[in-house]
Amino acid sequence: MTEFMKFRKWLILLTGILIIIILTQINYDNLSFKTNKTVYIMIISGLGSILALYLSNKIETKKNKKTQ
């Protein structure tokens, strides 16, 4: 495992923690997009970042296996 893969794993963990913190900011009395727009956008952005980091690690792992 390369150092950058380890760094990506830490970023995935950090982003997951931030999403959990952001979930506490939702107005659960009114779940409309108008009220919680910023929170919803942050959650979607975080999930997108996690997906990109995960896929990058997966691609790098495949490339490392082919070269060995």
C-alpha atoms as a PDB file:
ATOM      1  CA  MET A   1       0.000   0.000   0.000  1.00  0.00           C
ATOM      2  CA  THR A   2       1.443   3.343  -1.024  1.00  0.00           C
ATOM      3  CA  GLU A   3       1.564   6.393   1.198  1.00  0.00           C
ATOM      4  CA  PHE A   4      -0.983   8.166  -0.969  1.00  0.00           C
ATOM      5  CA  MET A   5      -3.427   5.274  -0.578  1.00  0.00           C
ATOM      6  CA  LYS A   6      -3.064   5.581   3.202  1.00  0.00           C
ATOM      7  CA  PHE A   7      -3.668   9.321   2.907  1.00  0.00           C
ATOM      8  CA  ARG A   8      -6.845   8.678   0.890  1.00  0.00           C
ATOM      9  CA  LYS A   9      -8.086   6.252   3.546  1.00  0.00           C
ATOM     10  CA  TRP A  10      -7.589   8.907   6.216  1.00  0.00           C
ATOM     11  CA  LEU A  11      -9.482  11.412   4.075  1.00  0.00           C
ATOM     12  CA  ILE A  12     -12.343   8.927   3.646  1.00  0.00           C
ATOM     13  CA  LEU A  13     -12.505   8.492   7.422  1.00  0.00           C
ATOM     14  CA  LEU A  14     -12.370  12.243   8.052  1.00  0.00           C
ATOM     15  CA  THR A  15     -15.078  12.933   5.474  1.00  0.00           C
ATOM     16  CA  GLY A  16     -17.288  10.235   7.008  1.00  0.00           C
ATOM     17  CA  ILE A  17     -16.903  11.842  10.436  1.00  0.00           C
ATOM     18  CA  LEU A  18     -17.735  15.249   8.981  1.00  0.00           C
ATOM     19  CA  ILE A  19     -20.887  13.847   7.348  1.00  0.00           C
ATOM     20  CA  ILE A  20     -21.986  12.451  10.711  1.00  0.00           C
ATOM     21  CA  ILE A  21     -21.414  15.874  12.291  1.00  0.00           C
ATOM     22  CA  ILE A  22     -23.327  17.562   9.469  1.00  0.00           C
ATOM     23  CA  LEU A  23     -26.282  15.219  10.052  1.00  0.00           C
ATOM     24  CA  THR A  24     -26.773  16.889  13.425  1.00  0.00           C
ATOM     25  CA  GLN A  25     -27.382  20.208  11.655  1.00  0.00           C
ATOM     26  CA  ILE A  26     -30.493  19.056   9.783  1.00  0.00           C
ATOM     27  CA  ASN A  27     -33.784  20.613  10.817  1.00  0.00           C
ATOM     28  CA  TYR A  28     -35.701  17.374  11.366  1.00  0.00           C
ATOM     29  CA  ASP A  29     -38.973  19.234  11.971  1.00  0.00           C
ATOM     30  CA  ASN A  30     -38.960  20.450   8.368  1.00  0.00           C
ATOM     31  CA  LEU A  31     -36.992  18.247   5.950  1.00  0.00           C
ATOM     32  CA  SER A  32     -37.711  20.374   2.884  1.00  0.00           C
ATOM     33  CA  PHE A  33     -34.898  21.259   0.507  1.00  0.00           C
ATOM     34  CA  LYS A  34     -35.549  24.954   1.034  1.00  0.00           C
ATOM     35  CA  THR A  35     -34.796  24.714   4.755  1.00  0.00           C
ATOM     36  CA  ASN A  36     -31.881  22.266   4.643  1.00  0.00           C
ATOM     37  CA  LYS A  37     -30.364  23.072   1.257  1.00  0.00           C
ATOM     38  CA  THR A  38     -26.827  23.721   2.530  1.00  0.00           C
ATOM     39  CA  VAL A  39     -26.776  20.580   4.654  1.00  0.00           C
ATOM     40  CA  TYR A  40     -28.016  18.391   1.804  1.00  0.00           C
ATOM     41  CA  ILE A  41     -25.408  19.826  -0.570  1.00  0.00           C
ATOM     42  CA  MET A  42     -22.637  19.198   1.972  1.00  0.00           C
ATOM     43  CA  ILE A  43     -23.767  15.589   2.456  1.00  0.00           C
ATOM     44  CA  ILE A  44     -23.889  14.942  -1.300  1.00  0.00           C
ATOM     45  CA  SER A  45     -20.462  16.553  -1.742  1.00  0.00           C
ATOM     46  CA  GLY A  46     -19.004  14.449   1.049  1.00  0.00           C
ATOM     47  CA  LEU A  47     -20.415  11.244  -0.388  1.00  0.00           C
ATOM     48  CA  GLY A  48     -19.047  12.195  -3.810  1.00  0.00           C
ATOM     49  CA  SER A  49     -15.609  12.785  -2.306  1.00  0.00           C
ATOM     50  CA  ILE A  50     -15.700   9.442  -0.510  1.00  0.00           C
ATOM     51  CA  LEU A  51     -16.683   7.688  -3.734  1.00  0.00           C
ATOM     52  CA  ALA A  52     -13.887   9.371  -5.703  1.00  0.00           C
ATOM     53  CA  LEU A  53     -11.264   8.534  -3.070  1.00  0.00           C
ATOM     54  CA  TYR A  54     -12.443   4.925  -2.811  1.00  0.00           C
ATOM     55  CA  LEU A  55     -12.393   4.433  -6.581  1.00  0.00           C
ATOM     56  CA  SER A  56      -8.934   6.019  -6.823  1.00  0.00           C
ATOM     57  CA  ASN A  57      -7.607   3.533  -4.275  1.00  0.00           C
ATOM     58  CA  LYS A  58      -9.249   0.664  -6.133  1.00  0.00           C
ATOM     59  CA  ILE A  59      -7.759   1.728  -9.484  1.00  0.00           C
ATOM     60  CA  GLU A  60      -4.303   2.177  -7.959  1.00  0.00           C
ATOM     61  CA  THR A  61      -4.522  -1.286  -6.383  1.00  0.00           C
ATOM     62  CA  LYS A  62      -5.352  -2.830  -9.770  1.00  0.00           C
ATOM     63  CA  LYS A  63      -2.444  -1.021 -11.428  1.00  0.00           C
ATOM     64  CA  ASN A  64      -0.054  -2.181  -8.709  1.00  0.00           C
ATOM     65  CA  LYS A  65      -1.157  -5.804  -9.148  1.00  0.00           C
ATOM     66  CA  LYS A  66      -0.615  -5.657 -12.925  1.00  0.00           C
ATOM     67  CA  THR A  67       2.924  -4.305 -12.586  1.00  0.00           C
ATOM     68  CA  GLN A  68       3.975  -6.967 -10.076  1.00  0.00           C
END
